[in-house]
Amino acid sequence: MGEITLSEIWQHPVKSLRGLPLQRAELEAKGLAGDRRWMLVDGNGRFITQREQSRLSLVDALPQDGALAFAAPGMPPLTTASPPEGGERLAVTIWRDPCEAVAPSAEADHWFSDYLGQACRLVYLPDDSLRPVDPDYARPGEQVGFADGFPLLLISQGSLDDLNSRLETPLPMRRFRPNLVVSGCEPHAEDGWRRIRIGETTFRVVKPCSRCIIPTIDPATGERSPEPLRTLAGYRRRDNRIYFGQNLVHEGNGILEVGMAVELLP
């Protein structure tokens, strides 16, 4: 096996909207800087994702000097103001986790409500609003933003290449919404890793990622199909779940750049 390298970095500014490829990223307490610090919630404060609204896959969110610029089919462009760290707090829920968020843009609330055809609000997770990582996998004080459960998701290019060799139509990595993509290892080698180092930062490989229906949504069209879950079920099913990729918890902050070496640790 040759050198394993960090080949892609993906940031998702708003949960369940399109991701952005980066060349360089900073690690903060909650994960990659700017990753999933925003999300949409319904009238009860409960999170909204592509699971319920596949059209979210068609929305771009581009960071601009602390603000976000949005674009979606049939909608006028929208730019929000930078989120305030203070301001009125809103109780929101992601899975079973209650959090305090802020909803700084009534204009954005109306924009997304019109686009989705349901009342919703765009909310931001301030630095001082803490959502702990599942204590079964984390140490005290470790945090996550609005990602499903862990600060980072890693997938190897070999794993995707192996899947694509089994599909009639190959799929891009962005279907699986990782943060980190690594190259130079065998398919699913990441399943056996326990700790890795990239740059100055050490990561614990804590839990395989069980997949929901989101990878079946084409991010170019918003349409659903049986793949890739149908094919993955044939060789990646265990305990009645389908696994693809590994969840990570980082130990400290740092800088990541595409091309960095990935060191396997005991």
Protein backbone atom coordinates (compact mmCIF):
# COMPACT_ATOMS: atom_id res chain seq x y z
CA MET A 1 0.00 0.00 0.00
CA GLY A 2 1.35 3.43 -0.94
CA GLU A 3 0.91 6.71 0.87
CA ILE A 4 -2.61 7.59 1.94
CA THR A 5 -3.50 11.23 1.32
CA LEU A 6 -6.35 13.64 1.97
CA SER A 7 -7.75 14.05 -1.54
CA GLU A 8 -10.95 16.06 -0.95
CA ILE A 9 -12.42 18.35 1.73
CA TRP A 10 -16.15 19.14 1.71
CA GLN A 11 -17.95 21.83 3.66
CA HIS A 12 -21.75 21.91 3.97
CA PRO A 13 -22.67 25.40 5.21
CA VAL A 14 -26.35 24.52 5.68
CA LYS A 15 -27.48 21.06 6.70
CA SER A 16 -28.93 19.15 3.71
CA LEU A 17 -28.08 21.84 1.14
CA ARG A 18 -25.36 21.39 -1.49
CA GLY A 19 -21.79 20.97 -0.32
CA LEU A 20 -18.69 22.91 -1.36
CA PRO A 21 -15.29 21.41 -2.21
CA LEU A 22 -12.41 23.15 -0.43
CA GLN A 23 -8.65 23.08 -0.80
CA ARG A 24 -8.04 24.15 2.79
CA ALA A 25 -10.16 24.14 5.93
CA GLU A 26 -9.83 25.00 9.59
CA LEU A 27 -10.93 22.63 12.34
CA GLU A 28 -12.87 24.23 15.18
CA ALA A 29 -14.56 22.79 18.25
CA LYS A 30 -17.69 21.70 16.37
CA GLY A 31 -15.89 20.36 13.25
CA LEU A 32 -14.81 22.06 10.04
CA ALA A 33 -15.21 25.82 10.25
CA GLY A 34 -18.49 26.77 8.60
CA ASP A 35 -19.75 23.19 8.30
CA ARG A 36 -23.40 22.61 9.19
CA ARG A 37 -23.71 25.58 11.52
CA TRP A 38 -27.01 26.45 9.77
CA MET A 39 -30.13 24.36 9.21
CA LEU A 40 -33.80 24.67 8.42
CA VAL A 41 -36.51 23.93 10.99
CA ASP A 42 -40.28 23.63 10.76
CA GLY A 43 -42.90 25.49 12.79
CA ASN A 44 -42.19 23.27 15.78
CA GLY A 45 -38.44 23.88 15.64
CA ARG A 46 -37.70 20.40 14.32
CA PHE A 47 -34.98 20.01 11.69
CA ILE A 48 -35.81 19.62 8.00
CA THR A 49 -33.60 17.63 5.63
CA GLN A 50 -33.63 16.07 2.17
CA ARG A 51 -35.34 13.05 3.74
CA GLU A 52 -38.57 15.08 3.74
CA GLN A 53 -37.72 17.74 1.16
CA SER A 54 -35.56 16.36 -1.64
CA ARG A 55 -35.59 19.81 -3.34
CA LEU A 56 -33.08 20.99 -0.74
CA SER A 57 -30.48 19.11 -2.79
CA LEU A 58 -30.83 21.81 -5.49
CA VAL A 59 -30.04 24.79 -3.25
CA ASP A 60 -26.58 26.38 -3.25
CA ALA A 61 -25.31 28.19 -0.16
CA LEU A 62 -22.09 30.12 -0.76
CA PRO A 63 -20.24 31.85 2.11
CA GLN A 64 -19.53 35.53 1.43
CA ASP A 65 -17.71 37.54 4.11
CA GLY A 66 -19.54 35.79 6.93
CA ALA A 67 -22.89 35.90 5.15
CA LEU A 68 -24.49 33.27 2.92
CA ALA A 69 -25.64 33.72 -0.67
CA PHE A 70 -28.42 31.34 -1.72
CA ALA A 71 -29.54 30.21 -5.17
CA ALA A 72 -32.34 27.79 -6.02
CA PRO A 73 -34.39 26.94 -9.13
CA GLY A 74 -37.17 29.45 -9.71
CA MET A 75 -36.13 31.67 -6.81
CA PRO A 76 -34.53 35.14 -6.78
CA PRO A 77 -31.01 35.34 -5.35
CA LEU A 78 -30.82 35.88 -1.60
CA THR A 79 -27.97 36.97 0.67
CA THR A 80 -28.32 36.80 4.44
CA ALA A 81 -26.52 38.98 6.95
CA SER A 82 -23.82 37.52 9.16
CA PRO A 83 -25.38 35.62 12.08
CA PRO A 84 -25.36 37.39 15.44
CA GLU A 85 -23.84 35.55 18.37
CA GLY A 86 -26.36 37.27 20.63
CA GLY A 87 -30.00 37.89 19.90
CA GLU A 88 -33.19 36.01 20.62
CA ARG A 89 -32.76 32.28 21.13
CA LEU A 90 -35.01 29.69 19.52
CA ALA A 91 -35.45 26.14 20.84
CA VAL A 92 -34.76 23.65 18.04
CA THR A 93 -34.46 19.88 17.84
CA ILE A 94 -32.18 17.73 15.69
CA TRP A 95 -32.96 14.05 16.12
CA ARG A 96 -33.45 13.82 19.89
CA ASP A 97 -31.07 16.66 20.72
CA PRO A 98 -32.51 19.98 21.92
CA CYS A 99 -30.41 23.04 21.05
CA GLU A 100 -30.60 26.81 21.26
CA ALA A 101 -30.24 28.56 17.91
CA VAL A 102 -30.83 32.01 16.48
CA ALA A 103 -33.02 32.83 13.46
CA PRO A 104 -31.50 36.08 12.20
CA SER A 105 -33.22 36.54 8.83
CA ALA A 106 -36.98 36.88 8.37
CA GLU A 107 -36.26 37.36 4.65
CA ALA A 108 -34.55 33.97 4.51
CA ASP A 109 -37.42 32.39 6.44
CA HIS A 110 -39.90 33.63 3.82
CA TRP A 111 -37.59 32.65 0.93
CA PHE A 112 -37.23 29.05 2.07
CA SER A 113 -40.91 28.80 3.05
CA ASP A 114 -41.86 29.84 -0.49
CA TYR A 115 -39.36 27.43 -2.05
CA LEU A 116 -40.37 24.40 0.03
CA GLY A 117 -44.08 25.15 0.25
CA GLN A 118 -44.07 24.87 4.05
CA ALA A 119 -43.44 27.27 6.90
CA CYS A 120 -39.81 27.07 8.00
CA ARG A 121 -36.99 29.11 9.48
CA LEU A 122 -33.27 29.28 8.80
CA VAL A 123 -31.38 28.96 12.09
CA TYR A 124 -27.75 29.29 13.17
CA LEU A 125 -25.92 27.49 15.99
CA PRO A 126 -23.87 30.06 17.96
CA ASP A 127 -20.50 29.19 19.44
CA ASP A 128 -21.89 29.17 22.96
CA SER A 129 -24.76 26.81 22.13
CA LEU A 130 -23.35 23.40 22.93
CA ARG A 131 -24.49 20.13 21.38
CA PRO A 132 -22.39 17.28 22.79
CA VAL A 133 -21.36 14.27 20.76
CA ASP A 134 -22.97 10.98 21.86
CA PRO A 135 -21.15 10.09 25.12
CA ASP A 136 -20.99 6.45 24.03
CA TYR A 137 -18.37 7.57 21.47
CA ALA A 138 -17.02 10.86 22.77
CA ARG A 139 -15.11 12.40 25.63
CA PRO A 140 -16.56 15.08 27.89
CA GLY A 141 -16.67 18.46 26.19
CA GLU A 142 -16.54 17.20 22.59
CA GLN A 143 -19.10 18.97 20.43
CA VAL A 144 -20.87 18.71 17.09
CA GLY A 145 -22.79 21.28 15.04
CA PHE A 146 -25.92 20.37 13.07
CA ALA A 147 -24.36 17.26 11.50
CA ASP A 148 -26.42 14.15 12.20
CA GLY A 149 -24.27 12.96 15.08
CA PHE A 150 -20.53 13.44 14.66
CA PRO A 151 -18.24 16.32 13.69
CA LEU A 152 -16.72 14.62 10.63
CA LEU A 153 -17.46 11.91 8.08
CA LEU A 154 -14.62 10.21 6.19
CA ILE A 155 -14.90 8.01 3.08
CA SER A 156 -12.08 6.53 1.04
CA GLN A 157 -11.97 6.96 -2.72
CA GLY A 158 -11.34 3.23 -2.94
CA SER A 159 -14.69 2.54 -1.29
CA LEU A 160 -16.51 4.69 -3.83
CA ASP A 161 -14.56 3.19 -6.73
CA ASP A 162 -15.53 -0.30 -5.54
CA LEU A 163 -19.19 0.71 -5.34
CA ASN A 164 -19.10 2.33 -8.77
CA SER A 165 -17.64 -0.85 -10.28
CA ARG A 166 -20.91 -2.55 -9.26
CA LEU A 167 -23.28 0.16 -10.55
CA GLU A 168 -24.54 0.71 -14.08
CA THR A 169 -24.11 4.47 -13.63
CA PRO A 170 -21.20 5.67 -11.47
CA LEU A 171 -22.01 8.16 -8.72
CA PRO A 172 -19.99 11.15 -7.51
CA MET A 173 -18.65 11.31 -3.96
CA ARG A 174 -20.87 14.27 -3.11
CA ARG A 175 -23.86 11.89 -3.01
CA PHE A 176 -22.55 10.66 0.34
CA ARG A 177 -21.86 14.11 1.84
CA PRO A 178 -18.48 13.41 3.46
CA ASN A 179 -16.20 16.01 4.98
CA LEU A 180 -12.96 14.16 4.26
CA VAL A 181 -12.06 11.91 1.33
CA VAL A 182 -8.83 9.93 1.40
CA SER A 183 -7.03 8.16 -1.45
CA GLY A 184 -4.31 5.52 -1.64
CA CYS A 185 -5.93 2.73 0.39
CA GLU A 186 -7.95 -0.38 -0.37
CA PRO A 187 -11.77 -0.22 -0.49
CA HIS A 188 -13.23 0.09 3.00
CA ALA A 189 -9.81 0.09 4.63
CA GLU A 190 -11.22 2.85 6.83
CA ASP A 191 -13.42 0.22 8.53
CA GLY A 192 -10.35 -1.09 10.33
CA TRP A 193 -8.84 2.23 11.38
CA ARG A 194 -9.01 3.38 14.99
CA ARG A 195 -6.97 6.58 15.01
CA ILE A 196 -5.42 8.68 12.25
CA ARG A 197 -3.37 11.87 12.03
CA ILE A 198 -3.64 14.49 9.31
CA GLY A 199 -1.29 17.43 9.67
CA GLU A 200 -1.09 18.32 13.35
CA THR A 201 -4.51 16.86 14.22
CA THR A 202 -5.39 13.41 15.52
CA PHE A 203 -8.81 11.89 14.83
CA ARG A 204 -10.57 8.96 16.46
CA VAL A 205 -12.48 6.71 14.06
CA VAL A 206 -15.45 6.09 16.31
CA LYS A 207 -18.38 4.60 14.40
CA PRO A 208 -19.34 3.36 10.93
CA CYS A 209 -21.88 5.57 9.18
CA SER A 210 -25.27 3.94 8.65
CA ARG A 211 -26.87 5.35 5.52
CA CYS A 212 -30.34 6.84 5.13
CA ILE A 213 -32.13 7.59 1.84
CA ILE A 214 -30.22 10.81 1.10
CA PRO A 215 -27.61 9.12 -1.15
CA THR A 216 -30.50 7.98 -3.38
CA ILE A 217 -31.28 11.63 -4.22
CA ASP A 218 -29.58 12.98 -7.34
CA PRO A 219 -28.09 16.36 -6.33
CA ALA A 220 -28.38 17.55 -9.94
CA THR A 221 -32.13 16.92 -10.24
CA GLY A 222 -33.55 16.23 -6.78
CA GLU A 223 -35.01 12.93 -8.06
CA ARG A 224 -34.84 9.69 -6.09
CA SER A 225 -33.92 6.21 -7.29
CA PRO A 226 -33.21 2.82 -5.65
CA GLU A 227 -29.45 3.24 -6.04
CA PRO A 228 -26.96 3.17 -4.48
CA LEU A 229 -28.66 1.63 -1.45
CA ARG A 230 -29.94 -1.35 -3.43
CA THR A 231 -26.42 -2.31 -4.47
CA LEU A 232 -24.84 -1.46 -1.12
CA ALA A 233 -27.36 -3.68 0.62
CA GLY A 234 -25.86 -6.65 -1.22
CA TYR A 235 -22.44 -6.32 0.44
CA ARG A 236 -22.51 -3.58 3.10
CA ARG A 237 -25.52 -4.61 5.22
CA ARG A 238 -25.02 -5.55 8.85
CA ASP A 239 -27.46 -5.56 11.77
CA ASN A 240 -30.18 -4.56 9.29
CA ARG A 241 -28.34 -1.34 8.43
CA ILE A 242 -26.24 -0.29 5.43
CA TYR A 243 -22.82 1.16 6.26
CA PHE A 244 -20.61 3.35 4.08
CA GLY A 245 -17.91 5.59 5.54
CA GLN A 246 -16.70 6.27 9.07
CA ASN A 247 -17.56 8.95 11.60
CA LEU A 248 -14.64 10.78 13.20
CA VAL A 249 -14.08 12.90 16.30
CA HIS A 250 -11.12 15.27 16.16
CA GLU A 251 -8.80 15.87 19.08
CA GLY A 252 -8.02 19.57 18.97
CA ASN A 253 -8.14 22.23 16.30
CA GLY A 254 -5.89 22.53 13.26
CA ILE A 255 -5.58 23.17 9.55
CA LEU A 256 -6.34 20.63 6.82
CA GLU A 257 -5.22 20.90 3.20
CA VAL A 258 -5.82 18.67 0.21
CA GLY A 259 -2.70 16.58 -0.41
CA MET A 260 -1.77 16.10 3.25
CA ALA A 261 -0.57 12.67 4.29
CA VAL A 262 -2.87 10.48 6.37
CA GLU A 263 -0.98 8.59 9.07
CA LEU A 264 -2.54 5.48 10.60
CA LEU A 265 -2.09 5.30 14.37
CA PRO A 266 -2.57 2.37 16.76
